[in-house]
Protein backbone atom coordinates (compact mmCIF):
# COMPACT_ATOMS: atom_id res chain seq x y z
CA MET A 1 46.44 212.96 115.20
CA ALA A 2 44.02 213.26 118.09
CA SER A 3 40.43 212.36 117.37
CA LEU A 4 37.12 212.42 119.20
CA ARG A 5 36.20 209.62 121.51
CA LYS A 6 33.35 207.38 120.51
CA ALA A 7 30.00 208.95 121.38
CA ASN A 8 29.00 206.04 123.61
CA ALA A 9 31.79 207.11 125.99
CA TYR A 10 29.51 210.01 126.91
CA SER A 11 25.99 209.42 125.64
CA ARG A 12 24.52 207.39 128.51
CA ARG A 13 26.69 208.75 131.32
CA HIS A 14 25.30 210.79 134.15
CA VAL A 15 25.98 214.50 133.99
CA VAL A 16 29.30 215.31 135.62
CA PRO A 17 29.37 218.19 138.15
CA PHE A 18 31.61 221.24 138.00
CA THR A 19 30.92 222.19 134.41
CA ARG A 20 29.93 225.75 135.26
CA VAL A 21 31.04 228.66 133.16
CA SER A 22 30.76 231.93 135.06
CA LYS A 23 31.02 235.53 133.94
CA LYS A 24 33.71 235.95 136.59
CA LYS A 25 36.84 234.06 135.62
CA GLN A 26 37.73 233.07 139.18
CA LYS A 27 34.39 231.33 139.75
CA SER A 28 34.49 229.39 136.49
CA TYR A 29 35.32 225.71 136.74
CA ILE A 30 35.71 225.45 132.98
CA LYS A 31 38.27 227.92 131.69
CA VAL A 32 37.97 227.20 127.96
CA VAL A 33 34.58 226.70 126.32
CA PRO A 34 34.65 224.78 123.02
CA PRO A 35 33.10 226.66 120.09
CA GLN A 36 29.52 225.92 119.08
CA LYS A 37 29.33 223.61 116.07
CA ILE A 38 25.65 224.24 115.32
CA VAL A 39 25.50 227.10 112.84
CA LYS A 40 21.72 227.69 112.63
CA PHE A 41 18.89 226.50 114.82
CA SER A 42 15.94 227.30 112.51
CA MET A 43 15.81 226.93 108.74
CA GLY A 44 13.18 227.17 106.03
CA GLU A 45 10.10 229.36 105.95
CA GLY A 46 9.63 230.71 109.47
CA LYS A 47 6.97 233.21 108.38
CA LEU A 48 4.77 230.45 106.94
CA TYR A 49 5.14 228.46 110.17
CA ASN A 50 4.22 231.43 112.37
CA THR A 51 1.14 232.26 110.28
CA GLY A 52 -0.10 228.65 110.41
CA LYS A 53 0.30 227.82 106.71
CA LEU A 54 2.39 224.71 107.48
CA PRO A 55 -0.17 222.51 109.27
CA HIS A 56 1.65 219.14 109.24
CA VAL A 57 4.19 219.00 112.08
CA LEU A 58 6.65 216.15 112.72
CA LYS A 59 8.57 216.09 116.01
CA VAL A 60 11.57 213.85 116.67
CA VAL A 61 11.41 213.03 120.38
CA SER A 62 13.97 211.24 122.57
CA THR A 63 12.69 208.21 124.49
CA ASP A 64 15.89 207.78 126.54
CA SER A 65 17.82 209.92 128.96
CA VAL A 66 20.89 210.73 126.90
CA GLN A 67 23.59 213.29 126.09
CA LEU A 68 23.51 214.42 122.47
CA ARG A 69 26.79 215.88 121.22
CA HIS A 70 26.82 219.08 119.21
CA ASN A 71 28.66 217.51 116.27
CA ALA A 72 25.92 214.85 115.99
CA LEU A 73 23.25 217.55 116.04
CA GLU A 74 25.07 219.55 113.37
CA SER A 75 25.55 216.58 111.04
CA CYS A 76 21.84 215.70 111.35
CA ARG A 77 20.87 219.33 110.78
CA GLN A 78 22.94 219.58 107.61
CA PHE A 79 21.58 216.32 106.21
CA ILE A 80 17.91 217.10 106.94
CA ASN A 81 18.12 220.66 105.66
CA LYS A 82 19.87 219.60 102.44
CA LYS A 83 17.31 216.89 101.65
CA LEU A 84 14.27 219.03 102.50
CA ASP A 85 15.61 221.99 100.54
CA LYS A 86 16.16 219.76 97.53
CA ASP A 87 12.72 218.07 97.61
CA LEU A 88 10.45 220.65 99.29
CA ALA A 89 12.02 224.05 98.59
CA GLY A 90 10.02 226.83 100.24
CA GLN A 91 7.43 224.45 101.75
CA TYR A 92 8.97 223.54 105.09
CA PHE A 93 10.22 224.88 108.40
CA PHE A 94 12.92 222.99 110.30
CA LYS A 95 14.11 223.70 113.84
CA VAL A 96 16.80 222.19 116.07
CA VAL A 97 15.31 222.37 119.57
CA PRO A 98 18.00 221.48 122.19
CA TYR A 99 20.88 223.84 122.87
CA PRO A 100 24.14 222.07 123.76
CA HIS A 101 25.32 223.74 126.95
CA HIS A 102 26.91 220.87 128.89
CA ILE A 103 30.69 220.87 128.48
CA GLN A 104 32.26 217.43 128.19
CA ARG A 105 35.73 216.78 129.56
CA GLU A 106 38.38 214.20 128.84
CA ASN A 107 41.40 213.12 130.87
CA LYS A 108 43.72 212.07 128.08
CA MET A 109 45.76 208.99 128.87
CA LEU A 110 48.96 208.18 127.02
CA THR A 111 49.96 204.68 126.06
CA GLY A 112 53.18 203.19 124.82
CA ALA A 113 56.79 203.28 125.91
CA GLY A 114 57.72 206.15 128.19
CA ALA A 115 54.13 207.19 128.82
CA ASP A 116 54.42 206.54 132.56
CA ARG A 117 56.79 209.49 132.96
CA MET A 118 54.53 211.96 131.16
CA GLN A 119 51.19 211.61 132.93
CA THR A 120 49.87 211.62 136.47
CA GLY A 121 47.13 209.02 136.09
CA MET A 122 43.97 209.93 137.97
CA GLN A 123 45.63 212.48 140.24
CA LEU A 124 43.96 215.90 139.66
CA SER A 125 42.06 214.38 136.75
CA PHE A 126 39.56 217.16 136.06
CA GLY A 127 40.15 216.80 132.32
CA LYS A 128 40.21 219.28 129.47
CA SER A 129 37.07 220.44 127.73
CA MET A 130 36.65 218.66 124.41
CA GLY A 131 33.06 219.26 123.32
CA LYS A 132 29.52 220.26 124.18
CA ALA A 133 26.38 218.20 124.60
CA ALA A 134 22.66 218.75 125.02
CA ILE A 135 21.16 216.83 127.93
CA LEU A 136 17.93 215.13 126.87
CA LYS A 137 15.37 213.50 129.11
CA PRO A 138 12.66 211.13 127.90
CA GLY A 139 10.08 213.11 125.95
CA SER A 140 12.48 215.92 124.97
CA GLU A 141 12.12 217.27 121.44
CA VAL A 142 15.18 217.06 119.22
CA PHE A 143 13.89 218.34 115.85
CA VAL A 144 10.64 219.96 114.70
CA ILE A 145 9.71 219.87 111.01
CA ALA A 146 6.59 221.69 109.77
CA LEU A 147 5.34 220.89 106.27
CA ALA A 148 2.65 222.09 103.88
CA THR A 149 1.43 218.83 102.32
CA PRO A 150 0.96 215.16 103.26
CA LYS A 151 3.44 214.30 100.49
CA GLY A 152 6.02 216.36 102.37
CA VAL A 153 5.32 214.34 105.52
CA VAL A 154 6.23 211.12 103.68
CA ILE A 155 9.48 212.66 102.42
CA ALA A 156 10.37 214.04 105.86
CA ARG A 157 9.70 210.69 107.58
CA HIS A 158 12.06 209.01 105.11
CA VAL A 159 14.76 211.61 105.86
CA ILE A 160 14.27 211.18 109.62
CA ASN A 161 14.70 207.42 109.30
CA GLN A 162 18.01 208.07 107.52
CA ILE A 163 19.41 210.19 110.38
CA LYS A 164 18.33 207.94 113.26
CA PRO A 165 21.64 205.99 113.26
CA LYS A 166 23.51 209.27 113.86
CA LEU A 167 21.62 209.94 117.10
CA PRO A 168 22.40 208.18 120.40
CA GLY A 169 19.60 206.42 122.21
CA ARG A 170 16.13 205.70 120.87
CA THR A 171 13.88 208.28 119.26
CA LYS A 172 10.32 208.33 118.01
CA VAL A 173 8.49 210.54 115.54
CA LEU A 174 5.27 212.29 116.59
CA TYR A 175 2.84 213.70 114.03
CA GLU A 176 0.50 216.64 114.63
CA PHE A 177 -2.01 218.29 112.32
CA LYS A 178 -2.76 221.89 113.19
CA ALA A 179 -5.95 222.97 111.45
CA GLN A 180 -5.94 226.58 110.29
């Protein structure tokens, strides 16, 4: 069964050219675009956030230049939303900021007996699309969590510390208080 490559095969690599998807099929370098794994980008009480009733804002910010895969973003999103909904139901707003648009490719190499007759090595090795990634630069926001109380900030910081191992590169948490 084929599985995903380890994330560090892509996370600190430079962005590869020729990943354009065009409306015209002939001009498209990538013929097949993998489906988006992220289901929702904003969760919680958006109306409370827009009216300013959630003054405590935590932002998870990348400190490295890194590619963040869409399956890593989705697993973090599910975990954070589940924990916040359990502990702070109706008192938070959570948003996934980056949109994964960069298409990652893989030139699959076979190993074992007889593999030399089935592949061409690096000849015409454009690769097949196998996933999407968001390209983050230092200072890019990854997640934004708005909360109603200081107690919620403590809970959200604990949840963020639990998801940090799922993210490539280093991140830091910024706190803002927006007075009403």
